[in-house]
């Protein structure tokens, strides 16, 4: 058993609140949809983050404009398991190439316990 094995996964598409995972070791994680989209692990998004100097989950830097365009709130249109190791989202912005492994999600847990300076030193 790996620490990254989920006991339960709840994708809250209807309420738009994000993804809640309870891991087999009892730890609980919550991921907002916006964070998940900004942390997409696909090759294209990873390369864009590297080029922009962003970490997974950092928002995309937008150029200032005089007339900001309306953008609907990001949320998945669907979420499906990928074998026993990951979850795949089809996003309402058309993006659908990211596969979020349980290891990736556990490594980037957003909870206060995992997101302390000491904990984040381990994942950088």
PDB file of N, CA and C in Angstrom:
ATOM      1  N   UNK A   1       0.843  -1.186   0.000  1.00  0.00           N
ATOM      2  CA  UNK A   1       0.000   0.000   0.000  1.00  0.00           C
ATOM      3  C   UNK A   1       0.885   1.245   0.000  1.00  0.00           C
ATOM      4  N   UNK A   2       0.551   2.149  -0.861  1.00  0.00           N
ATOM      5  CA  UNK A   2       1.255   3.418  -0.966  1.00  0.00           C
ATOM      6  C   UNK A   2       0.470   4.498  -0.227  1.00  0.00           C
ATOM      7  N   UNK A   3       1.173   5.517   0.255  1.00  0.00           N
ATOM      8  CA  UNK A   3       0.486   6.652   0.875  1.00  0.00           C
ATOM      9  C   UNK A   3      -0.429   7.339  -0.129  1.00  0.00           C
ATOM     10  N   UNK A   4      -0.146   7.163  -1.413  1.00  0.00           N
ATOM     11  CA  UNK A   4      -0.919   7.829  -2.454  1.00  0.00           C
ATOM     12  C   UNK A   4      -2.104   7.003  -2.937  1.00  0.00           C
ATOM     13  N   UNK A   5      -2.507   5.993  -2.192  1.00  0.00           N
ATOM     14  CA  UNK A   5      -3.688   5.218  -2.560  1.00  0.00           C
ATOM     15  C   UNK A   5      -4.915   5.851  -1.920  1.00  0.00           C
ATOM     16  N   UNK A   6      -5.899   6.263  -2.744  1.00  0.00           N
ATOM     17  CA  UNK A   6      -7.091   6.868  -2.158  1.00  0.00           C
ATOM     18  C   UNK A   6      -8.051   5.824  -1.600  1.00  0.00           C
ATOM     19  N   UNK A   7      -8.681   6.172  -0.494  1.00  0.00           N
ATOM     20  CA  UNK A   7      -9.743   5.346   0.075  1.00  0.00           C
ATOM     21  C   UNK A   7     -11.059   5.737  -0.589  1.00  0.00           C
ATOM     22  N   UNK A   8     -11.258   7.058  -0.759  1.00  0.00           N
ATOM     23  CA  UNK A   8     -12.438   7.555  -1.463  1.00  0.00           C
ATOM     24  C   UNK A   8     -12.092   8.847  -2.185  1.00  0.00           C
ATOM     25  N   UNK A   9     -12.767   9.063  -3.316  1.00  0.00           N
ATOM     26  CA  UNK A   9     -12.576  10.268  -4.117  1.00  0.00           C
ATOM     27  C   UNK A   9     -13.957  10.824  -4.434  1.00  0.00           C
ATOM     28  N   UNK A  10     -14.168  12.099  -4.120  1.00  0.00           N
ATOM     29  CA  UNK A  10     -15.442  12.741  -4.421  1.00  0.00           C
ATOM     30  C   UNK A  10     -15.165  13.969  -5.279  1.00  0.00           C
ATOM     31  N   UNK A  11     -15.682  13.940  -6.513  1.00  0.00           N
ATOM     32  CA  UNK A  11     -15.545  15.064  -7.427  1.00  0.00           C
ATOM     33  C   UNK A  11     -16.861  15.838  -7.385  1.00  0.00           C
ATOM     34  N   UNK A  12     -16.820  17.043  -6.862  1.00  0.00           N
ATOM     35  CA  UNK A  12     -18.023  17.851  -6.626  1.00  0.00           C
ATOM     36  C   UNK A  12     -18.337  18.751  -7.819  1.00  0.00           C
ATOM     37  N   UNK A  13     -18.658  18.134  -8.973  1.00  0.00           N
ATOM     38  CA  UNK A  13     -18.925  18.909 -10.184  1.00  0.00           C
ATOM     39  C   UNK A  13     -20.172  19.771 -10.011  1.00  0.00           C
ATOM     40  N   UNK A  14     -21.227  19.218  -9.457  1.00  0.00           N
ATOM     41  CA  UNK A  14     -22.490  19.948  -9.331  1.00  0.00           C
ATOM     42  C   UNK A  14     -22.344  21.186  -8.462  1.00  0.00           C
ATOM     43  N   UNK A  15     -21.698  21.062  -7.321  1.00  0.00           N
ATOM     44  CA  UNK A  15     -21.542  22.209  -6.422  1.00  0.00           C
ATOM     45  C   UNK A  15     -20.367  23.097  -6.819  1.00  0.00           C
ATOM     46  N   UNK A  16     -19.446  22.563  -7.609  1.00  0.00           N
ATOM     47  CA  UNK A  16     -18.302  23.340  -8.064  1.00  0.00           C
ATOM     48  C   UNK A  16     -17.249  23.586  -7.011  1.00  0.00           C
ATOM     49  N   UNK A  17     -17.256  22.787  -5.937  1.00  0.00           N
ATOM     50  CA  UNK A  17     -16.329  23.046  -4.830  1.00  0.00           C
ATOM     51  C   UNK A  17     -14.972  22.373  -4.978  1.00  0.00           C
ATOM     52  N   UNK A  18     -14.816  21.448  -5.899  1.00  0.00           N
ATOM     53  CA  UNK A  18     -13.524  20.812  -6.098  1.00  0.00           C
ATOM     54  C   UNK A  18     -13.558  19.321  -5.866  1.00  0.00           C
ATOM     55  N   UNK A  19     -12.393  18.775  -5.561  1.00  0.00           N
ATOM     56  CA  UNK A  19     -12.224  17.335  -5.367  1.00  0.00           C
ATOM     57  C   UNK A  19     -11.775  17.080  -3.935  1.00  0.00           C
ATOM     58  N   UNK A  20     -12.440  16.144  -3.283  1.00  0.00           N
ATOM     59  CA  UNK A  20     -12.067  15.726  -1.929  1.00  0.00           C
ATOM     60  C   UNK A  20     -11.578  14.289  -1.984  1.00  0.00           C
ATOM     61  N   UNK A  21     -10.399  14.058  -1.423  1.00  0.00           N
ATOM     62  CA  UNK A  21      -9.819  12.715  -1.397  1.00  0.00           C
ATOM     63  C   UNK A  21      -9.507  12.341   0.041  1.00  0.00           C
ATOM     64  N   UNK A  22      -9.956  11.159   0.427  1.00  0.00           N
ATOM     65  CA  UNK A  22      -9.532  10.577   1.698  1.00  0.00           C
ATOM     66  C   UNK A  22      -8.565   9.462   1.332  1.00  0.00           C
ATOM     67  N   UNK A  23      -7.347   9.556   1.845  1.00  0.00           N
ATOM     68  CA  UNK A  23      -6.298   8.597   1.530  1.00  0.00           C
ATOM     69  C   UNK A  23      -6.382   7.415   2.489  1.00  0.00           C
ATOM     70  N   UNK A  24      -5.812   6.293   2.088  1.00  0.00           N
ATOM     71  CA  UNK A  24      -5.880   5.078   2.907  1.00  0.00           C
ATOM     72  C   UNK A  24      -5.203   5.229   4.259  1.00  0.00           C
ATOM     73  N   UNK A  25      -4.267   6.179   4.380  1.00  0.00           N
ATOM     74  CA  UNK A  25      -3.609   6.397   5.675  1.00  0.00           C
ATOM     75  C   UNK A  25      -4.414   7.342   6.572  1.00  0.00           C
ATOM     76  N   UNK A  26      -5.616   7.762   6.122  1.00  0.00           N
ATOM     77  CA  UNK A  26      -6.477   8.622   6.918  1.00  0.00           C
ATOM     78  C   UNK A  26      -6.357  10.108   6.609  1.00  0.00           C
ATOM     79  N   UNK A  27      -5.336  10.498   5.864  1.00  0.00           N
ATOM     80  CA  UNK A  27      -5.153  11.904   5.503  1.00  0.00           C
ATOM     81  C   UNK A  27      -6.261  12.327   4.536  1.00  0.00           C
ATOM     82  N   UNK A  28      -6.686  13.602   4.633  1.00  0.00           N
ATOM     83  CA  UNK A  28      -7.719  14.129   3.742  1.00  0.00           C
ATOM     84  C   UNK A  28      -7.172  15.330   2.985  1.00  0.00           C
ATOM     85  N   UNK A  29      -7.489  15.390   1.693  1.00  0.00           N
ATOM     86  CA  UNK A  29      -7.029  16.484   0.840  1.00  0.00           C
ATOM     87  C   UNK A  29      -8.210  17.093   0.102  1.00  0.00           C
ATOM     88  N   UNK A  30      -8.139  18.399  -0.122  1.00  0.00           N
ATOM     89  CA  UNK A  30      -9.135  19.094  -0.942  1.00  0.00           C
ATOM     90  C   UNK A  30      -8.392  19.870  -2.023  1.00  0.00           C
ATOM     91  N   UNK A  31      -8.871  19.775  -3.252  1.00  0.00           N
ATOM     92  CA  UNK A  31      -8.278  20.480  -4.384  1.00  0.00           C
ATOM     93  C   UNK A  31      -9.371  21.289  -5.074  1.00  0.00           C
ATOM     94  N   UNK A  32      -9.231  22.611  -5.111  1.00  0.00           N
ATOM     95  CA  UNK A  32     -10.172  23.461  -5.840  1.00  0.00           C
ATOM     96  C   UNK A  32      -9.986  23.209  -7.334  1.00  0.00           C
ATOM     97  N   UNK A  33     -11.072  23.312  -8.091  1.00  0.00           N
ATOM     98  CA  UNK A  33     -10.984  23.067  -9.529  1.00  0.00           C
ATOM     99  C   UNK A  33     -10.009  24.016 -10.211  1.00  0.00           C
ATOM    100  N   UNK A  34     -10.007  25.293  -9.831  1.00  0.00           N
ATOM    101  CA  UNK A  34      -9.084  26.250 -10.444  1.00  0.00           C
ATOM    102  C   UNK A  34      -7.637  25.819 -10.204  1.00  0.00           C
ATOM    103  N   UNK A  35      -7.332  25.372  -8.980  1.00  0.00           N
ATOM    104  CA  UNK A  35      -5.970  24.924  -8.686  1.00  0.00           C
ATOM    105  C   UNK A  35      -5.623  23.708  -9.547  1.00  0.00           C
ATOM    106  N   UNK A  36      -6.549  22.754  -9.645  1.00  0.00           N
ATOM    107  CA  UNK A  36      -6.287  21.557 -10.448  1.00  0.00           C
ATOM    108  C   UNK A  36      -6.008  21.913 -11.905  1.00  0.00           C
ATOM    109  N   UNK A  37      -6.800  22.822 -12.456  1.00  0.00           N
ATOM    110  CA  UNK A  37      -6.585  23.204 -13.862  1.00  0.00           C
ATOM    111  C   UNK A  37      -5.238  23.894 -14.016  1.00  0.00           C
ATOM    112  N   UNK A  38      -4.886  24.784 -13.076  1.00  0.00           N
ATOM    113  CA  UNK A  38      -3.598  25.485 -13.141  1.00  0.00           C
ATOM    114  C   UNK A  38      -2.419  24.547 -12.890  1.00  0.00           C
ATOM    115  N   UNK A  39      -2.675  23.402 -12.262  1.00  0.00           N
ATOM    116  CA  UNK A  39      -1.615  22.430 -11.964  1.00  0.00           C
ATOM    117  C   UNK A  39      -1.627  21.251 -12.928  1.00  0.00           C
ATOM    118  N   UNK A  40      -2.315  21.394 -14.054  1.00  0.00           N
ATOM    119  CA  UNK A  40      -2.423  20.279 -15.001  1.00  0.00           C
ATOM    120  C   UNK A  40      -1.042  19.693 -15.295  1.00  0.00           C
ATOM    121  N   UNK A  41      -0.895  18.363 -15.152  1.00  0.00           N
ATOM    122  CA  UNK A  41       0.415  17.746 -15.338  1.00  0.00           C
ATOM    123  C   UNK A  41       0.747  17.354 -16.782  1.00  0.00           C
ATOM    124  N   UNK A  42      -0.085  17.723 -17.758  1.00  0.00           N
ATOM    125  CA  UNK A  42       0.213  17.335 -19.141  1.00  0.00           C
ATOM    126  C   UNK A  42       1.488  18.036 -19.621  1.00  0.00           C
ATOM    127  N   UNK A  43       2.078  17.519 -20.689  1.00  0.00           N
ATOM    128  CA  UNK A  43       3.341  18.052 -21.199  1.00  0.00           C
ATOM    129  C   UNK A  43       3.227  19.519 -21.607  1.00  0.00           C
ATOM    130  N   UNK A  44       2.131  19.893 -22.261  1.00  0.00           N
ATOM    131  CA  UNK A  44       1.955  21.273 -22.711  1.00  0.00           C
ATOM    132  C   UNK A  44       1.896  22.236 -21.532  1.00  0.00           C
ATOM    133  N   UNK A  45       1.066  21.918 -20.543  1.00  0.00           N
ATOM    134  CA  UNK A  45       0.927  22.801 -19.375  1.00  0.00           C
ATOM    135  C   UNK A  45       2.213  22.836 -18.551  1.00  0.00           C
ATOM    136  N   UNK A  46       2.876  21.691 -18.408  1.00  0.00           N
ATOM    137  CA  UNK A  46       4.144  21.650 -17.664  1.00  0.00           C
ATOM    138  C   UNK A  46       5.190  22.535 -18.328  1.00  0.00           C
ATOM    139  N   UNK A  47       5.258  22.484 -19.664  1.00  0.00           N
ATOM    140  CA  UNK A  47       6.224  23.307 -20.391  1.00  0.00           C
ATOM    141  C   UNK A  47       5.890  24.795 -20.247  1.00  0.00           C
ATOM    142  N   UNK A  48       4.595  25.137 -20.314  1.00  0.00           N
ATOM    143  CA  UNK A  48       4.193  26.541 -20.133  1.00  0.00           C
ATOM    144  C   UNK A  48       4.585  27.045 -18.749  1.00  0.00           C
ATOM    145  N   UNK A  49       4.387  26.206 -17.718  1.00  0.00           N
ATOM    146  CA  UNK A  49       4.762  26.617 -16.359  1.00  0.00           C
ATOM    147  C   UNK A  49       6.267  26.819 -16.262  1.00  0.00           C
ATOM    148  N   UNK A  50       7.036  25.926 -16.856  1.00  0.00           N
ATOM    149  CA  UNK A  50       8.496  26.042 -16.827  1.00  0.00           C
ATOM    150  C   UNK A  50       8.934  27.338 -17.508  1.00  0.00           C
ATOM    151  N   UNK A  51       8.364  27.621 -18.671  1.00  0.00           N
ATOM    152  CA  UNK A  51       8.697  28.836 -19.418  1.00  0.00           C
ATOM    153  C   UNK A  51       8.344  30.094 -18.631  1.00  0.00           C
ATOM    154  N   UNK A  52       7.178  30.072 -17.960  1.00  0.00           N
ATOM    155  CA  UNK A  52       6.709  31.232 -17.191  1.00  0.00           C
ATOM    156  C   UNK A  52       7.308  31.311 -15.786  1.00  0.00           C
ATOM    157  N   UNK A  53       8.016  30.255 -15.356  1.00  0.00           N
ATOM    158  CA  UNK A  53       8.577  30.234 -14.009  1.00  0.00           C
ATOM    159  C   UNK A  53       7.533  30.008 -12.932  1.00  0.00           C
ATOM    160  N   UNK A  54       6.466  29.264 -13.268  1.00  0.00           N
ATOM    161  CA  UNK A  54       5.396  28.992 -12.306  1.00  0.00           C
ATOM    162  C   UNK A  54       5.527  27.581 -11.759  1.00  0.00           C
ATOM    163  N   UNK A  55       5.050  27.392 -10.527  1.00  0.00           N
ATOM    164  CA  UNK A  55       4.963  26.067  -9.916  1.00  0.00           C
ATOM    165  C   UNK A  55       3.581  25.500 -10.211  1.00  0.00           C
ATOM    166  N   UNK A  56       3.397  24.179 -10.076  1.00  0.00           N
ATOM    167  CA  UNK A  56       2.057  23.624 -10.267  1.00  0.00           C
ATOM    168  C   UNK A  56       1.045  24.328  -9.364  1.00  0.00           C
ATOM    169  N   UNK A  57      -0.062  24.753  -9.967  1.00  0.00           N
ATOM    170  CA  UNK A  57      -1.114  25.434  -9.220  1.00  0.00           C
ATOM    171  C   UNK A  57      -1.029  26.944  -9.241  1.00  0.00           C
ATOM    172  N   UNK A  58       0.142  27.501  -9.608  1.00  0.00           N
ATOM    173  CA  UNK A  58       0.239  28.957  -9.727  1.00  0.00           C
ATOM    174  C   UNK A  58      -0.623  29.404 -10.902  1.00  0.00           C
ATOM    175  N   UNK A  59      -1.393  30.489 -10.741  1.00  0.00           N
ATOM    176  CA  UNK A  59      -2.260  30.935 -11.836  1.00  0.00           C
ATOM    177  C   UNK A  59      -1.459  31.444 -13.027  1.00  0.00           C
ATOM    178  N   UNK A  60      -2.067  31.353 -14.190  1.00  0.00           N
ATOM    179  CA  UNK A  60      -1.456  31.859 -15.416  1.00  0.00           C
ATOM    180  C   UNK A  60      -1.438  33.381 -15.340  1.00  0.00           C
ATOM    181  N   UNK A  61      -0.292  33.957 -15.683  1.00  0.00           N
ATOM    182  CA  UNK A  61      -0.170  35.415 -15.659  1.00  0.00           C
ATOM    183  C   UNK A  61      -0.863  35.979 -16.898  1.00  0.00           C
ATOM    184  N   UNK A  62      -1.853  36.829 -16.662  1.00  0.00           N
ATOM    185  CA  UNK A  62      -2.614  37.432 -17.752  1.00  0.00           C
ATOM    186  C   UNK A  62      -2.087  38.830 -18.036  1.00  0.00           C
ATOM    187  N   UNK A  63      -2.003  39.160 -19.319  1.00  0.00           N
ATOM    188  CA  UNK A  63      -1.621  40.517 -19.693  1.00  0.00           C
ATOM    189  C   UNK A  63      -2.766  41.464 -19.351  1.00  0.00           C
ATOM    190  N   UNK A  64      -2.414  42.659 -18.909  1.00  0.00           N
ATOM    191  CA  UNK A  64      -3.442  43.649 -18.577  1.00  0.00           C
ATOM    192  C   UNK A  64      -4.165  44.070 -19.850  1.00  0.00           C
ATOM    193  N   UNK A  65      -5.474  44.242 -19.739  1.00  0.00           N
ATOM    194  CA  UNK A  65      -6.234  44.709 -20.892  1.00  0.00           C
ATOM    195  C   UNK A  65      -7.233  45.761 -20.424  1.00  0.00           C
ATOM    196  N   UNK A  66      -7.621  46.607 -21.340  1.00  0.00           N
ATOM    197  CA  UNK A  66      -8.575  47.658 -21.008  1.00  0.00           C
ATOM    198  C   UNK A  66      -9.963  47.088 -20.760  1.00  0.00           C
ATOM    199  N   UNK A  67     -10.335  46.087 -21.521  1.00  0.00           N
ATOM    200  CA  UNK A  67     -11.649  45.467 -21.385  1.00  0.00           C
ATOM    201  C   UNK A  67     -11.477  43.992 -21.047  1.00  0.00           C
ATOM    202  N   UNK A  68     -11.473  43.669 -19.767  1.00  0.00           N
ATOM    203  CA  UNK A  68     -11.296  42.260 -19.409  1.00  0.00           C
ATOM    204  C   UNK A  68     -12.455  41.420 -19.940  1.00  0.00           C
ATOM    205  N   UNK A  69     -12.120  40.272 -20.475  1.00  0.00           N
ATOM    206  CA  UNK A  69     -13.119  39.360 -21.027  1.00  0.00           C
ATOM    207  C   UNK A  69     -13.695  38.504 -19.911  1.00  0.00           C
ATOM    208  N   UNK A  70     -14.984  38.214 -20.023  1.00  0.00           N
ATOM    209  CA  UNK A  70     -15.631  37.324 -19.062  1.00  0.00           C
ATOM    210  C   UNK A  70     -15.147  35.902 -19.296  1.00  0.00           C
ATOM    211  N   UNK A  71     -14.784  35.245 -18.224  1.00  0.00           N
ATOM    212  CA  UNK A  71     -14.399  33.839 -18.294  1.00  0.00           C
ATOM    213  C   UNK A  71     -15.283  33.077 -17.326  1.00  0.00           C
ATOM    214  N   UNK A  72     -15.966  32.037 -17.798  1.00  0.00           N
ATOM    215  CA  UNK A  72     -16.768  31.250 -16.864  1.00  0.00           C
ATOM    216  C   UNK A  72     -15.865  30.550 -15.858  1.00  0.00           C
ATOM    217  N   UNK A  73     -16.409  30.282 -14.691  1.00  0.00           N
ATOM    218  CA  UNK A  73     -15.659  29.595 -13.644  1.00  0.00           C
ATOM    219  C   UNK A  73     -15.224  28.220 -14.154  1.00  0.00           C
ATOM    220  N   UNK A  74     -13.943  27.914 -13.970  1.00  0.00           N
ATOM    221  CA  UNK A  74     -13.427  26.623 -14.432  1.00  0.00           C
ATOM    222  C   UNK A  74     -14.008  25.485 -13.616  1.00  0.00           C
ATOM    223  N   UNK A  75     -14.422  24.455 -14.330  1.00  0.00           N
ATOM    224  CA  UNK A  75     -14.890  23.238 -13.678  1.00  0.00           C
ATOM    225  C   UNK A  75     -14.834  22.117 -14.710  1.00  0.00           C
ATOM    226  N   UNK A  76     -14.696  20.913 -14.240  1.00  0.00           N
ATOM    227  CA  UNK A  76     -14.661  19.807 -15.192  1.00  0.00           C
ATOM    228  C   UNK A  76     -16.058  19.503 -15.724  1.00  0.00           C
ATOM    229  N   UNK A  77     -16.109  19.122 -16.992  1.00  0.00           N
ATOM    230  CA  UNK A  77     -17.360  18.625 -17.563  1.00  0.00           C
ATOM    231  C   UNK A  77     -17.530  17.158 -17.208  1.00  0.00           C
ATOM    232  N   UNK A  78     -16.385  16.489 -17.039  1.00  0.00           N
ATOM    233  CA  UNK A  78     -16.418  15.083 -16.631  1.00  0.00           C
ATOM    234  C   UNK A  78     -15.124  14.735 -15.911  1.00  0.00           C
ATOM    235  N   UNK A  79     -15.198  13.677 -15.128  1.00  0.00           N
ATOM    236  CA  UNK A  79     -14.026  13.150 -14.413  1.00  0.00           C
ATOM    237  C   UNK A  79     -14.130  11.635 -14.452  1.00  0.00           C
ATOM    238  N   UNK A  80     -13.038  10.987 -14.840  1.00  0.00           N
ATOM    239  CA  UNK A  80     -13.049   9.531 -14.973  1.00  0.00           C
ATOM    240  C   UNK A  80     -11.771   8.932 -14.415  1.00  0.00           C
ATOM    241  N   UNK A  81     -11.889   7.757 -13.792  1.00  0.00           N
ATOM    242  CA  UNK A  81     -10.680   7.090 -13.301  1.00  0.00           C
ATOM    243  C   UNK A  81      -9.825   6.608 -14.468  1.00  0.00           C
ATOM    244  N   UNK A  82      -8.523   6.579 -14.240  1.00  0.00           N
ATOM    245  CA  UNK A  82      -7.576   6.018 -15.202  1.00  0.00           C
ATOM    246  C   UNK A  82      -6.929   4.841 -14.493  1.00  0.00           C
ATOM    247  N   UNK A  83      -7.395   3.649 -14.805  1.00  0.00           N
ATOM    248  CA  UNK A  83      -6.916   2.468 -14.095  1.00  0.00           C
ATOM    249  C   UNK A  83      -7.107   2.647 -12.603  1.00  0.00           C
ATOM    250  N   UNK A  84      -6.114   2.203 -11.838  1.00  0.00           N
ATOM    251  CA  UNK A  84      -6.146   2.369 -10.381  1.00  0.00           C
ATOM    252  C   UNK A  84      -5.143   3.414  -9.923  1.00  0.00           C
ATOM    253  N   UNK A  85      -4.591   4.191 -10.887  1.00  0.00           N
ATOM    254  CA  UNK A  85      -3.499   5.086 -10.513  1.00  0.00           C
ATOM    255  C   UNK A  85      -3.762   6.574 -10.717  1.00  0.00           C
ATOM    256  N   UNK A  86      -4.905   6.963 -11.306  1.00  0.00           N
ATOM    257  CA  UNK A  86      -5.065   8.381 -11.644  1.00  0.00           C
ATOM    258  C   UNK A  86      -6.522   8.740 -11.912  1.00  0.00           C
ATOM    259  N   UNK A  87      -6.727  10.038 -12.137  1.00  0.00           N
ATOM    260  CA  UNK A  87      -8.030  10.570 -12.540  1.00  0.00           C
ATOM    261  C   UNK A  87      -7.799  11.525 -13.711  1.00  0.00           C
ATOM    262  N   UNK A  88      -8.755  11.544 -14.627  1.00  0.00           N
ATOM    263  CA  UNK A  88      -8.677  12.386 -15.823  1.00  0.00           C
ATOM    264  C   UNK A  88      -9.880  13.324 -15.838  1.00  0.00           C
ATOM    265  N   UNK A  89      -9.635  14.603 -16.140  1.00  0.00           N
ATOM    266  CA  UNK A  89     -10.705  15.594 -16.228  1.00  0.00           C
ATOM    267  C   UNK A  89     -10.833  16.104 -17.654  1.00  0.00           C
ATOM    268  N   UNK A  90     -12.058  16.334 -18.081  1.00  0.00           N
ATOM    269  CA  UNK A  90     -12.328  17.101 -19.295  1.00  0.00           C
ATOM    270  C   UNK A  90     -12.866  18.436 -18.795  1.00  0.00           C
ATOM    271  N   UNK A  91     -12.115  19.524 -19.058  1.00  0.00           N
ATOM    272  CA  UNK A  91     -12.436  20.843 -18.510  1.00  0.00           C
ATOM    273  C   UNK A  91     -13.361  21.625 -19.424  1.00  0.00           C
ATOM    274  N   UNK A  92     -14.118  22.558 -18.840  1.00  0.00           N
ATOM    275  CA  UNK A  92     -15.053  23.364 -19.623  1.00  0.00           C
ATOM    276  C   UNK A  92     -14.356  24.393 -20.517  1.00  0.00           C
ATOM    277  N   UNK A  93     -13.024  24.513 -20.421  1.00  0.00           N
ATOM    278  CA  UNK A  93     -12.287  25.376 -21.347  1.00  0.00           C
ATOM    279  C   UNK A  93     -11.763  24.580 -22.543  1.00  0.00           C
ATOM    280  N   UNK A  94     -12.159  23.293 -22.637  1.00  0.00           N
ATOM    281  CA  UNK A  94     -11.773  22.456 -23.764  1.00  0.00           C
ATOM    282  C   UNK A  94     -10.540  21.600 -23.523  1.00  0.00           C
ATOM    283  N   UNK A  95      -9.803  21.868 -22.470  1.00  0.00           N
ATOM    284  CA  UNK A  95      -8.578  21.113 -22.195  1.00  0.00           C
ATOM    285  C   UNK A  95      -8.920  19.745 -21.612  1.00  0.00           C
ATOM    286  N   UNK A  96      -8.211  18.709 -22.075  1.00  0.00           N
ATOM    287  CA  UNK A  96      -8.494  17.374 -21.551  1.00  0.00           C
ATOM    288  C   UNK A  96      -7.323  16.406 -21.651  1.00  0.00           C
ATOM    289  N   UNK A  97      -6.102  16.917 -21.709  1.00  0.00           N
ATOM    290  CA  UNK A  97      -4.974  16.002 -21.875  1.00  0.00           C
ATOM    291  C   UNK A  97      -4.234  15.665 -20.584  1.00  0.00           C
ATOM    292  N   UNK A  98      -4.606  16.261 -19.467  1.00  0.00           N
ATOM    293  CA  UNK A  98      -3.912  15.984 -18.210  1.00  0.00           C
ATOM    294  C   UNK A  98      -4.439  14.752 -17.499  1.00  0.00           C
ATOM    295  N   UNK A  99      -3.533  13.923 -17.037  1.00  0.00           N
ATOM    296  CA  UNK A  99      -3.876  12.765 -16.208  1.00  0.00           C
ATOM    297  C   UNK A  99      -3.217  13.001 -14.853  1.00  0.00           C
ATOM    298  N   UNK A 100      -4.030  13.118 -13.816  1.00  0.00           N
ATOM    299  CA  UNK A 100      -3.572  13.443 -12.468  1.00  0.00           C
ATOM    300  C   UNK A 100      -3.395  12.149 -11.684  1.00  0.00           C
ATOM    301  N   UNK A 101      -2.156  11.703 -11.540  1.00  0.00           N
ATOM    302  CA  UNK A 101      -1.907  10.463 -10.791  1.00  0.00           C
ATOM    303  C   UNK A 101      -2.145  10.714  -9.308  1.00  0.00           C
ATOM    304  N   UNK A 102      -2.463   9.634  -8.597  1.00  0.00           N
ATOM    305  CA  UNK A 102      -2.654   9.763  -7.142  1.00  0.00           C
ATOM    306  C   UNK A 102      -1.364  10.247  -6.493  1.00  0.00           C
ATOM    307  N   UNK A 103      -0.211   9.777  -6.987  1.00  0.00           N
ATOM    308  CA  UNK A 103       1.081  10.236  -6.453  1.00  0.00           C
ATOM    309  C   UNK A 103       1.232  11.753  -6.628  1.00  0.00           C
ATOM    310  N   UNK A 104       0.891  12.256  -7.811  1.00  0.00           N
ATOM    311  CA  UNK A 104       0.997  13.691  -8.100  1.00  0.00           C
ATOM    312  C   UNK A 104       0.095  14.490  -7.162  1.00  0.00           C
ATOM    313  N   UNK A 105      -1.143  14.034  -6.994  1.00  0.00           N
ATOM    314  CA  UNK A 105      -2.079  14.755  -6.129  1.00  0.00           C
ATOM    315  C   UNK A 105      -1.633  14.721  -4.673  1.00  0.00           C
ATOM    316  N   UNK A 106      -1.161  13.576  -4.216  1.00  0.00           N
ATOM    317  CA  UNK A 106      -0.713  13.491  -2.818  1.00  0.00           C
ATOM    318  C   UNK A 106       0.521  14.363  -2.596  1.00  0.00           C
ATOM    319  N   UNK A 107       1.414  14.371  -3.559  1.00  0.00           N
ATOM    320  CA  UNK A 107       2.631  15.189  -3.456  1.00  0.00           C
ATOM    321  C   UNK A 107       2.303  16.682  -3.404  1.00  0.00           C
ATOM    322  N   UNK A 108       1.209  17.075  -4.036  1.00  0.00           N
ATOM    323  CA  UNK A 108       0.818  18.484  -4.088  1.00  0.00           C
ATOM    324  C   UNK A 108      -0.408  18.769  -3.221  1.00  0.00           C
ATOM    325  N   UNK A 109      -0.549  18.029  -2.130  1.00  0.00           N
ATOM    326  CA  UNK A 109      -1.673  18.236  -1.215  1.00  0.00           C
ATOM    327  C   UNK A 109      -1.709  19.693  -0.757  1.00  0.00           C
ATOM    328  N   UNK A 110      -2.906  20.273  -0.718  1.00  0.00           N
ATOM    329  CA  UNK A 110      -3.081  21.687  -0.405  1.00  0.00           C
ATOM    330  C   UNK A 110      -3.407  21.950   1.059  1.00  0.00           C
ATOM    331  N   UNK A 111      -3.475  20.928   1.893  1.00  0.00           N
ATOM    332  CA  UNK A 111      -3.872  21.140   3.292  1.00  0.00           C
ATOM    333  C   UNK A 111      -2.782  21.900   4.055  1.00  0.00           C
ATOM    334  N   UNK A 112      -3.167  22.498   5.179  1.00  0.00           N
ATOM    335  CA  UNK A 112      -2.214  23.291   5.959  1.00  0.00           C
ATOM    336  C   UNK A 112      -1.095  22.424   6.532  1.00  0.00           C
ATOM    337  N   UNK A 113      -1.393  21.183   6.844  1.00  0.00           N
ATOM    338  CA  UNK A 113      -0.377  20.270   7.381  1.00  0.00           C
ATOM    339  C   UNK A 113       0.721  19.998   6.350  1.00  0.00           C
ATOM    340  N   UNK A 114       0.337  19.796   5.108  1.00  0.00           N
ATOM    341  CA  UNK A 114       1.301  19.488   4.044  1.00  0.00           C
ATOM    342  C   UNK A 114       1.892  20.739   3.405  1.00  0.00           C
ATOM    343  N   UNK A 115       1.235  21.870   3.557  1.00  0.00           N
ATOM    344  CA  UNK A 115       1.635  23.079   2.846  1.00  0.00           C
ATOM    345  C   UNK A 115       2.443  24.043   3.716  1.00  0.00           C
ATOM    346  N   UNK A 116       3.017  23.537   4.803  1.00  0.00           N
ATOM    347  CA  UNK A 116       3.888  24.359   5.644  1.00  0.00           C
ATOM    348  C   UNK A 116       5.239  24.493   4.955  1.00  0.00           C
ATOM    349  N   UNK A 117       6.063  25.488   5.309  1.00  0.00           N
ATOM    350  CA  UNK A 117       7.375  25.624   4.673  1.00  0.00           C
ATOM    351  C   UNK A 117       8.213  24.350   4.753  1.00  0.00           C
ATOM    352  N   UNK A 118       8.191  23.652   5.876  1.00  0.00           N
ATOM    353  CA  UNK A 118       8.982  22.421   6.004  1.00  0.00           C
ATOM    354  C   UNK A 118       8.477  21.354   5.045  1.00  0.00           C
ATOM    355  N   UNK A 119       7.165  21.245   4.890  1.00  0.00           N
ATOM    356  CA  UNK A 119       6.593  20.241   3.996  1.00  0.00           C
ATOM    357  C   UNK A 119       6.845  20.593   2.542  1.00  0.00           C
ATOM    358  N   UNK A 120       6.754  21.862   2.172  1.00  0.00           N
ATOM    359  CA  UNK A 120       6.950  22.240   0.779  1.00  0.00           C
ATOM    360  C   UNK A 120       8.410  22.142   0.373  1.00  0.00           C
ATOM    361  N   UNK A 121       9.339  22.207   1.317  1.00  0.00           N
ATOM    362  CA  UNK A 121      10.750  22.017   0.992  1.00  0.00           C
ATOM    363  C   UNK A 121      10.983  20.623   0.426  1.00  0.00           C
ATOM    364  N   UNK A 122      10.203  19.644   0.886  1.00  0.00           N
ATOM    365  CA  UNK A 122      10.374  18.265   0.439  1.00  0.00           C
ATOM    366  C   UNK A 122       9.936  18.070  -1.005  1.00  0.00           C
ATOM    367  N   UNK A 123       8.964  18.860  -1.504  1.00  0.00           N
ATOM    368  CA  UNK A 123       8.422  18.602  -2.831  1.00  0.00           C
ATOM    369  C   UNK A 123       9.004  19.492  -3.917  1.00  0.00           C
ATOM    370  N   UNK A 124       9.914  20.381  -3.587  1.00  0.00           N
ATOM    371  CA  UNK A 124      10.439  21.270  -4.622  1.00  0.00           C
ATOM    372  C   UNK A 124      11.660  20.736  -5.270  1.00  0.00           C
TER     373      UNK A 124
END
